[in-house]
Amino acid sequence: MKKIFLVSILSVIFSAISMGATFITSSKDNAINIRQAAGTDSKVIETIKNGNILESNEKSGEWHKVTYYNSDIKKTFTGYIHNSQLKEIVGKLIITSSEGYSNIREKPTTKSTIKSRLKTGQIVYAISKTDDDWYYIKYNGNEYGYIYSNQVAKK
């Protein structure tokens, strides 16, 4: 009985760790602090702006442990961001079009202007999904647009 209980607990812990979540930074004042530990009294190790995509596989109370790479100074920061500064998104997608590319559009309709074409195999981040199966994505660093769901797969 003890063995089954222990296996059940370990299974729950493992699945919680491996599930992870993807977020976009979002704050009313456009300044999100990454802290050394989970708490407002902890040292700020980096401040970032809205619109950064971060992944978290670990949570401590209302704080998510994240890793952020600052490409300007070529340095990685690992620390904690409060839940209130993050908006969970759909997650990472990969372009899977058999044509070798997919159209990114201004609006979620095939009648909308094509903003860009992305190659099959490229990674994008889905911020949200419409009721009619279009993803609103972030791609190529800081560009946004729509892609139809049959052109991508979850990564």
N, C-alpha and C. Protein backbone atom coordinates (compact mmCIF):
# COMPACT_ATOMS: atom_id res chain seq x y z
N MET A 1 0.82 -1.20 0.00
CA MET A 1 0.00 0.00 0.00
C MET A 1 0.87 1.26 0.00
N LYS A 2 1.91 1.26 0.87
CA LYS A 2 2.81 2.42 0.94
C LYS A 2 3.52 2.65 -0.39
N LYS A 3 3.89 1.54 -1.03
CA LYS A 3 4.59 1.62 -2.31
C LYS A 3 3.70 2.25 -3.39
N ILE A 4 2.45 1.86 -3.45
CA ILE A 4 1.52 2.41 -4.43
C ILE A 4 1.29 3.90 -4.17
N PHE A 5 1.14 4.25 -2.89
CA PHE A 5 0.95 5.65 -2.52
C PHE A 5 2.15 6.49 -2.95
N LEU A 6 3.37 6.01 -2.69
CA LEU A 6 4.59 6.72 -3.06
C LEU A 6 4.70 6.87 -4.57
N VAL A 7 4.40 5.82 -5.31
CA VAL A 7 4.44 5.88 -6.76
C VAL A 7 3.43 6.90 -7.27
N SER A 8 2.24 6.95 -6.69
CA SER A 8 1.21 7.92 -7.09
C SER A 8 1.68 9.35 -6.85
N ILE A 9 2.27 9.59 -5.70
CA ILE A 9 2.76 10.94 -5.38
C ILE A 9 3.88 11.33 -6.35
N LEU A 10 4.82 10.45 -6.58
CA LEU A 10 5.92 10.74 -7.51
C LEU A 10 5.39 10.98 -8.92
N SER A 11 4.38 10.25 -9.32
CA SER A 11 3.78 10.43 -10.63
C SER A 11 3.17 11.82 -10.78
N VAL A 12 2.46 12.27 -9.76
CA VAL A 12 1.86 13.61 -9.78
C VAL A 12 2.95 14.68 -9.82
N ILE A 13 3.98 14.53 -9.01
CA ILE A 13 5.08 15.51 -8.99
C ILE A 13 5.77 15.54 -10.34
N PHE A 14 6.08 14.38 -10.90
CA PHE A 14 6.75 14.33 -12.20
C PHE A 14 5.94 14.99 -13.30
N SER A 15 4.64 14.71 -13.33
CA SER A 15 3.81 15.29 -14.38
C SER A 15 3.70 16.80 -14.20
N ALA A 16 3.66 17.29 -12.99
CA ALA A 16 3.60 18.74 -12.75
C ALA A 16 4.89 19.41 -13.21
N ILE A 17 6.02 18.76 -12.99
CA ILE A 17 7.30 19.33 -13.39
C ILE A 17 7.44 19.31 -14.91
N SER A 18 7.06 18.22 -15.55
CA SER A 18 7.28 18.10 -16.97
C SER A 18 6.27 18.88 -17.81
N MET A 19 5.11 19.20 -17.23
CA MET A 19 4.08 19.88 -18.01
C MET A 19 4.55 21.26 -18.46
N GLY A 20 5.03 22.07 -17.56
CA GLY A 20 5.50 23.40 -17.92
C GLY A 20 4.42 24.28 -18.49
N ALA A 21 4.74 25.54 -18.63
CA ALA A 21 3.82 26.50 -19.20
C ALA A 21 4.62 27.56 -19.93
N THR A 22 3.99 28.17 -20.92
CA THR A 22 4.61 29.24 -21.69
C THR A 22 3.83 30.52 -21.43
N PHE A 23 4.58 31.61 -21.21
CA PHE A 23 3.98 32.89 -20.86
C PHE A 23 4.51 34.00 -21.75
N ILE A 24 3.75 35.10 -21.77
CA ILE A 24 4.24 36.35 -22.33
C ILE A 24 4.24 37.35 -21.18
N THR A 25 5.32 38.11 -21.07
CA THR A 25 5.39 39.09 -19.98
C THR A 25 4.39 40.20 -20.25
N SER A 26 3.68 40.59 -19.19
CA SER A 26 2.61 41.57 -19.32
C SER A 26 2.43 42.32 -18.01
N SER A 27 2.76 43.61 -18.04
CA SER A 27 2.65 44.44 -16.86
C SER A 27 2.12 45.82 -17.25
N LYS A 28 1.30 46.43 -16.39
CA LYS A 28 0.74 47.74 -16.72
C LYS A 28 1.80 48.82 -16.86
N ASP A 29 2.93 48.67 -16.17
CA ASP A 29 4.00 49.68 -16.28
C ASP A 29 5.15 49.24 -17.18
N ASN A 30 5.01 48.11 -17.89
CA ASN A 30 5.98 47.63 -18.87
C ASN A 30 7.35 47.32 -18.27
N ALA A 31 7.40 47.01 -16.98
CA ALA A 31 8.66 46.66 -16.33
C ALA A 31 8.42 45.45 -15.44
N ILE A 32 9.04 44.34 -15.80
CA ILE A 32 8.86 43.09 -15.06
C ILE A 32 10.20 42.73 -14.42
N ASN A 33 10.17 42.54 -13.11
CA ASN A 33 11.39 42.19 -12.39
C ASN A 33 11.57 40.68 -12.32
N ILE A 34 12.78 40.24 -12.66
CA ILE A 34 13.16 38.86 -12.42
C ILE A 34 13.94 38.88 -11.11
N ARG A 35 13.49 38.10 -10.16
CA ARG A 35 14.09 38.12 -8.82
C ARG A 35 14.88 36.85 -8.54
N GLN A 36 15.84 36.98 -7.65
CA GLN A 36 16.73 35.88 -7.30
C GLN A 36 15.96 34.72 -6.65
N ALA A 37 14.94 35.05 -5.86
CA ALA A 37 14.14 34.03 -5.19
C ALA A 37 12.67 34.43 -5.29
N ALA A 38 11.79 33.53 -4.93
CA ALA A 38 10.35 33.76 -5.02
C ALA A 38 9.87 34.64 -3.87
N GLY A 39 9.86 35.95 -4.08
CA GLY A 39 9.38 36.88 -3.07
C GLY A 39 9.77 38.31 -3.40
N THR A 40 8.93 39.26 -3.02
CA THR A 40 9.19 40.67 -3.34
C THR A 40 10.38 41.23 -2.57
N ASP A 41 10.78 40.57 -1.50
CA ASP A 41 11.94 41.04 -0.74
C ASP A 41 13.26 40.52 -1.31
N SER A 42 13.17 39.71 -2.35
CA SER A 42 14.36 39.14 -2.99
C SER A 42 14.99 40.15 -3.96
N LYS A 43 16.28 40.03 -4.17
CA LYS A 43 17.04 40.92 -5.05
C LYS A 43 16.56 40.81 -6.51
N VAL A 44 16.41 41.97 -7.17
CA VAL A 44 16.07 42.02 -8.59
C VAL A 44 17.36 41.77 -9.38
N ILE A 45 17.35 40.73 -10.23
CA ILE A 45 18.56 40.42 -11.01
C ILE A 45 18.49 40.94 -12.44
N GLU A 46 17.27 41.24 -12.92
CA GLU A 46 17.09 41.79 -14.26
C GLU A 46 15.67 42.34 -14.37
N THR A 47 15.50 43.39 -15.15
CA THR A 47 14.18 43.95 -15.44
C THR A 47 13.96 43.86 -16.93
N ILE A 48 12.81 43.32 -17.33
CA ILE A 48 12.51 43.14 -18.75
C ILE A 48 11.18 43.82 -19.08
N LYS A 49 10.92 43.98 -20.37
CA LYS A 49 9.71 44.66 -20.84
C LYS A 49 8.62 43.67 -21.22
N ASN A 50 7.45 44.20 -21.48
CA ASN A 50 6.33 43.39 -21.96
C ASN A 50 6.67 42.75 -23.31
N GLY A 51 6.04 41.61 -23.56
CA GLY A 51 6.17 40.98 -24.86
C GLY A 51 7.22 39.89 -24.95
N ASN A 52 7.93 39.61 -23.87
CA ASN A 52 8.92 38.53 -23.89
C ASN A 52 8.23 37.20 -23.64
N ILE A 53 8.61 36.20 -24.41
CA ILE A 53 8.08 34.85 -24.24
C ILE A 53 9.02 34.10 -23.30
N LEU A 54 8.44 33.52 -22.25
CA LEU A 54 9.21 32.77 -21.26
C LEU A 54 8.53 31.44 -20.98
N GLU A 55 9.33 30.44 -20.68
CA GLU A 55 8.80 29.14 -20.32
C GLU A 55 9.15 28.85 -18.87
N SER A 56 8.26 28.15 -18.19
CA SER A 56 8.47 27.81 -16.79
C SER A 56 8.08 26.37 -16.54
N ASN A 57 8.96 25.63 -15.91
CA ASN A 57 8.68 24.24 -15.53
C ASN A 57 8.61 24.10 -14.02
N GLU A 58 8.75 25.23 -13.33
CA GLU A 58 8.78 25.18 -11.87
C GLU A 58 8.02 26.36 -11.31
N LYS A 59 7.22 26.09 -10.27
CA LYS A 59 6.42 27.14 -9.64
C LYS A 59 6.60 27.05 -8.14
N SER A 60 6.70 28.21 -7.50
CA SER A 60 6.81 28.29 -6.05
C SER A 60 5.74 29.27 -5.57
N GLY A 61 4.64 28.74 -5.09
CA GLY A 61 3.52 29.60 -4.71
C GLY A 61 2.99 30.33 -5.94
N GLU A 62 3.02 31.65 -5.91
CA GLU A 62 2.54 32.46 -7.04
C GLU A 62 3.69 32.96 -7.91
N TRP A 63 4.84 32.32 -7.81
CA TRP A 63 6.04 32.72 -8.56
C TRP A 63 6.45 31.62 -9.51
N HIS A 64 6.83 32.01 -10.73
CA HIS A 64 7.31 31.05 -11.73
C HIS A 64 8.81 31.23 -11.91
N LYS A 65 9.52 30.11 -11.92
CA LYS A 65 10.96 30.15 -12.20
C LYS A 65 11.13 30.16 -13.71
N VAL A 66 11.85 31.15 -14.22
CA VAL A 66 12.03 31.33 -15.66
C VAL A 66 13.51 31.55 -15.98
N THR A 67 13.83 31.35 -17.23
CA THR A 67 15.15 31.69 -17.74
C THR A 67 14.96 32.67 -18.88
N TYR A 68 15.70 33.77 -18.82
CA TYR A 68 15.59 34.84 -19.82
C TYR A 68 16.98 35.10 -20.41
N TYR A 69 17.05 35.16 -21.74
CA TYR A 69 18.31 35.45 -22.40
C TYR A 69 18.26 36.87 -22.95
N ASN A 70 19.16 37.73 -22.48
CA ASN A 70 19.27 39.10 -22.96
C ASN A 70 20.27 39.10 -24.12
N SER A 71 19.76 39.20 -25.34
CA SER A 71 20.62 39.11 -26.53
C SER A 71 21.52 40.34 -26.69
N ASP A 72 21.13 41.48 -26.09
CA ASP A 72 21.97 42.68 -26.18
C ASP A 72 23.30 42.49 -25.47
N ILE A 73 23.27 41.86 -24.30
CA ILE A 73 24.50 41.67 -23.53
C ILE A 73 24.96 40.22 -23.52
N LYS A 74 24.23 39.38 -24.27
CA LYS A 74 24.55 37.95 -24.39
C LYS A 74 24.72 37.28 -23.02
N LYS A 75 23.69 37.45 -22.18
CA LYS A 75 23.73 36.89 -20.84
C LYS A 75 22.38 36.28 -20.51
N THR A 76 22.40 35.15 -19.80
CA THR A 76 21.19 34.45 -19.38
C THR A 76 20.94 34.71 -17.90
N PHE A 77 19.68 34.96 -17.58
CA PHE A 77 19.25 35.19 -16.20
C PHE A 77 18.21 34.14 -15.84
N THR A 78 18.37 33.48 -14.71
CA THR A 78 17.37 32.54 -14.21
C THR A 78 16.90 33.05 -12.86
N GLY A 79 15.58 33.20 -12.74
CA GLY A 79 15.02 33.71 -11.50
C GLY A 79 13.52 33.56 -11.50
N TYR A 80 12.86 34.35 -10.67
CA TYR A 80 11.43 34.21 -10.44
C TYR A 80 10.67 35.47 -10.84
N ILE A 81 9.50 35.26 -11.44
CA ILE A 81 8.58 36.35 -11.80
C ILE A 81 7.23 36.02 -11.19
N HIS A 82 6.60 37.06 -10.60
CA HIS A 82 5.28 36.85 -9.99
C HIS A 82 4.23 36.58 -11.07
N ASN A 83 3.30 35.73 -10.73
CA ASN A 83 2.20 35.33 -11.61
C ASN A 83 1.47 36.53 -12.22
N SER A 84 1.34 37.63 -11.48
CA SER A 84 0.60 38.80 -11.96
C SER A 84 1.30 39.51 -13.12
N GLN A 85 2.56 39.20 -13.37
CA GLN A 85 3.33 39.82 -14.44
C GLN A 85 3.41 38.95 -15.69
N LEU A 86 2.71 37.82 -15.66
CA LEU A 86 2.76 36.86 -16.76
C LEU A 86 1.36 36.51 -17.23
N LYS A 87 1.22 36.34 -18.54
CA LYS A 87 -0.04 35.89 -19.12
C LYS A 87 0.25 34.57 -19.83
N GLU A 88 -0.43 33.50 -19.40
CA GLU A 88 -0.20 32.20 -20.03
C GLU A 88 -0.70 32.23 -21.46
N ILE A 89 0.09 31.65 -22.35
CA ILE A 89 -0.26 31.60 -23.77
C ILE A 89 -0.42 30.15 -24.20
N VAL A 90 -0.87 29.96 -25.44
CA VAL A 90 -1.09 28.61 -25.96
C VAL A 90 0.23 27.83 -25.96
N GLY A 91 1.31 28.46 -26.44
CA GLY A 91 2.60 27.80 -26.40
C GLY A 91 3.36 27.81 -27.70
N LYS A 92 4.35 26.96 -27.75
CA LYS A 92 5.27 26.89 -28.89
C LYS A 92 4.66 26.02 -29.99
N LEU A 93 4.74 26.51 -31.23
CA LEU A 93 4.24 25.77 -32.39
C LEU A 93 5.34 25.66 -33.43
N ILE A 94 5.21 24.68 -34.30
CA ILE A 94 6.13 24.52 -35.41
C ILE A 94 5.32 24.54 -36.71
N ILE A 95 5.84 25.26 -37.71
CA ILE A 95 5.18 25.31 -39.02
C ILE A 95 5.31 23.94 -39.67
N THR A 96 4.18 23.38 -40.14
CA THR A 96 4.17 22.02 -40.70
C THR A 96 3.61 21.96 -42.12
N SER A 97 3.49 23.07 -42.78
CA SER A 97 2.89 23.11 -44.11
C SER A 97 3.64 22.22 -45.10
N SER A 98 2.90 21.45 -45.87
CA SER A 98 3.51 20.58 -46.89
C SER A 98 4.00 21.39 -48.09
N GLU A 99 3.58 22.64 -48.20
CA GLU A 99 4.00 23.51 -49.31
C GLU A 99 5.39 24.12 -49.08
N GLY A 100 5.92 23.94 -47.88
CA GLY A 100 7.25 24.49 -47.58
C GLY A 100 7.20 25.85 -46.92
N TYR A 101 6.03 26.45 -46.82
CA TYR A 101 5.87 27.75 -46.16
C TYR A 101 4.41 27.93 -45.75
N SER A 102 4.18 28.87 -44.86
CA SER A 102 2.83 29.24 -44.46
C SER A 102 2.70 30.75 -44.48
N ASN A 103 1.53 31.23 -44.86
CA ASN A 103 1.25 32.66 -44.88
C ASN A 103 0.87 33.15 -43.48
N ILE A 104 1.44 34.28 -43.11
CA ILE A 104 1.07 34.96 -41.87
C ILE A 104 0.24 36.17 -42.29
N ARG A 105 -0.93 36.30 -41.71
CA ARG A 105 -1.87 37.34 -42.15
C ARG A 105 -2.11 38.38 -41.07
N GLU A 106 -2.57 39.56 -41.53
CA GLU A 106 -2.88 40.66 -40.61
C GLU A 106 -4.09 40.36 -39.74
N LYS A 107 -5.08 39.68 -40.32
CA LYS A 107 -6.32 39.35 -39.62
C LYS A 107 -6.62 37.87 -39.81
N PRO A 108 -7.46 37.28 -38.95
CA PRO A 108 -7.74 35.84 -39.04
C PRO A 108 -8.73 35.47 -40.14
N THR A 109 -8.32 35.70 -41.38
CA THR A 109 -9.13 35.32 -42.54
C THR A 109 -8.22 35.20 -43.76
N THR A 110 -8.54 34.31 -44.68
CA THR A 110 -7.72 34.14 -45.88
C THR A 110 -7.85 35.33 -46.83
N LYS A 111 -8.81 36.19 -46.58
CA LYS A 111 -8.97 37.40 -47.39
C LYS A 111 -8.08 38.55 -46.90
N SER A 112 -7.46 38.37 -45.76
CA SER A 112 -6.61 39.39 -45.17
C SER A 112 -5.24 39.45 -45.87
N THR A 113 -4.60 40.59 -45.77
CA THR A 113 -3.27 40.81 -46.35
C THR A 113 -2.24 39.86 -45.74
N ILE A 114 -1.38 39.30 -46.60
CA ILE A 114 -0.28 38.46 -46.14
C ILE A 114 0.84 39.38 -45.66
N LYS A 115 1.23 39.21 -44.39
CA LYS A 115 2.31 40.02 -43.81
C LYS A 115 3.68 39.39 -44.07
N SER A 116 3.70 38.06 -44.06
CA SER A 116 4.97 37.35 -44.16
C SER A 116 4.70 35.91 -44.55
N ARG A 117 5.76 35.22 -44.95
CA ARG A 117 5.71 33.79 -45.20
C ARG A 117 6.79 33.14 -44.35
N LEU A 118 6.40 32.13 -43.60
CA LEU A 118 7.35 31.43 -42.75
C LEU A 118 7.60 30.03 -43.28
N LYS A 119 8.85 29.60 -43.21
CA LYS A 119 9.24 28.29 -43.73
C LYS A 119 8.77 27.16 -42.82
N THR A 120 8.48 26.03 -43.44
CA THR A 120 8.16 24.82 -42.69
C THR A 120 9.33 24.50 -41.76
N GLY A 121 9.01 24.16 -40.53
CA GLY A 121 10.04 23.87 -39.53
C GLY A 121 10.33 25.04 -38.60
N GLN A 122 9.89 26.25 -38.97
CA GLN A 122 10.14 27.41 -38.13
C GLN A 122 9.27 27.36 -36.88
N ILE A 123 9.82 27.83 -35.77
CA ILE A 123 9.13 27.87 -34.49
C ILE A 123 8.47 29.24 -34.31
N VAL A 124 7.22 29.23 -33.84
CA VAL A 124 6.48 30.45 -33.51
C VAL A 124 5.81 30.24 -32.15
N TYR A 125 5.32 31.32 -31.57
CA TYR A 125 4.62 31.24 -30.29
C TYR A 125 3.18 31.68 -30.46
N ALA A 126 2.24 30.81 -30.08
CA ALA A 126 0.82 31.13 -30.17
C ALA A 126 0.39 31.87 -28.90
N ILE A 127 -0.03 33.11 -29.08
CA ILE A 127 -0.49 33.92 -27.96
C ILE A 127 -1.93 33.53 -27.60
N SER A 128 -2.75 33.31 -28.62
CA SER A 128 -4.15 32.93 -28.40
C SER A 128 -4.67 32.20 -29.64
N LYS A 129 -5.89 31.67 -29.51
CA LYS A 129 -6.52 30.98 -30.63
C LYS A 129 -7.96 31.47 -30.74
N THR A 130 -8.38 31.78 -31.97
CA THR A 130 -9.74 32.25 -32.19
C THR A 130 -10.71 31.08 -32.20
N ASP A 131 -12.00 31.38 -32.15
CA ASP A 131 -13.03 30.33 -32.19
C ASP A 131 -13.06 29.61 -33.53
N ASP A 132 -12.56 30.27 -34.58
CA ASP A 132 -12.57 29.64 -35.90
C ASP A 132 -11.19 29.12 -36.33
N ASP A 133 -10.38 28.72 -35.34
CA ASP A 133 -9.12 27.98 -35.57
C ASP A 133 -7.95 28.76 -36.15
N TRP A 134 -7.86 30.05 -35.89
CA TRP A 134 -6.69 30.83 -36.24
C TRP A 134 -5.89 31.10 -34.97
N TYR A 135 -4.57 30.99 -35.08
CA TYR A 135 -3.70 31.35 -33.97
C TYR A 135 -3.17 32.76 -34.18
N TYR A 136 -3.16 33.55 -33.10
CA TYR A 136 -2.48 34.84 -33.10
C TYR A 136 -1.08 34.53 -32.58
N ILE A 137 -0.06 34.79 -33.42
CA ILE A 137 1.29 34.34 -33.09
C ILE A 137 2.29 35.49 -33.00
N LYS A 138 3.39 35.18 -32.29
CA LYS A 138 4.56 36.04 -32.27
C LYS A 138 5.64 35.26 -33.00
N TYR A 139 6.32 35.92 -33.94
CA TYR A 139 7.32 35.24 -34.75
C TYR A 139 8.45 36.21 -35.10
N ASN A 140 9.55 35.67 -35.55
CA ASN A 140 10.73 36.47 -35.96
C ASN A 140 11.06 37.56 -34.94
N GLY A 141 11.09 37.20 -33.68
CA GLY A 141 11.47 38.16 -32.66
C GLY A 141 10.30 38.95 -32.12
N ASN A 142 9.87 39.97 -32.85
CA ASN A 142 8.84 40.86 -32.32
C ASN A 142 7.72 41.16 -33.31
N GLU A 143 7.44 40.24 -34.21
CA GLU A 143 6.36 40.44 -35.18
C GLU A 143 5.16 39.59 -34.76
N TYR A 144 3.96 40.09 -35.11
CA TYR A 144 2.72 39.41 -34.74
C TYR A 144 1.83 39.26 -35.95
N GLY A 145 1.05 38.18 -35.99
CA GLY A 145 0.11 37.97 -37.07
C GLY A 145 -0.71 36.72 -36.81
N TYR A 146 -1.46 36.30 -37.81
CA TYR A 146 -2.35 35.14 -37.69
C TYR A 146 -1.94 34.04 -38.65
N ILE A 147 -2.08 32.80 -38.18
CA ILE A 147 -1.83 31.62 -39.00
C ILE A 147 -2.95 30.61 -38.74
N TYR A 148 -3.37 29.94 -39.81
CA TYR A 148 -4.45 28.96 -39.65
C TYR A 148 -3.90 27.71 -38.96
N SER A 149 -4.72 27.10 -38.12
CA SER A 149 -4.28 26.00 -37.26
C SER A 149 -3.80 24.76 -38.02
N ASN A 150 -4.27 24.53 -39.25
CA ASN A 150 -3.83 23.34 -39.98
C ASN A 150 -2.42 23.50 -40.56
N GLN A 151 -1.81 24.65 -40.35
CA GLN A 151 -0.47 24.93 -40.86
C GLN A 151 0.62 24.72 -39.79
N VAL A 152 0.19 24.37 -38.56
CA VAL A 152 1.13 24.25 -37.45
C VAL A 152 0.81 23.03 -36.59
N ALA A 153 1.78 22.66 -35.75
CA ALA A 153 1.59 21.61 -34.75
C ALA A 153 2.22 22.07 -33.45
N LYS A 154 1.72 21.57 -32.34
CA LYS A 154 2.32 21.92 -31.05
C LYS A 154 3.72 21.32 -30.97
N LYS A 155 4.64 22.09 -30.48
CA LYS A 155 6.05 21.68 -30.36
C LYS A 155 6.26 21.02 -29.03
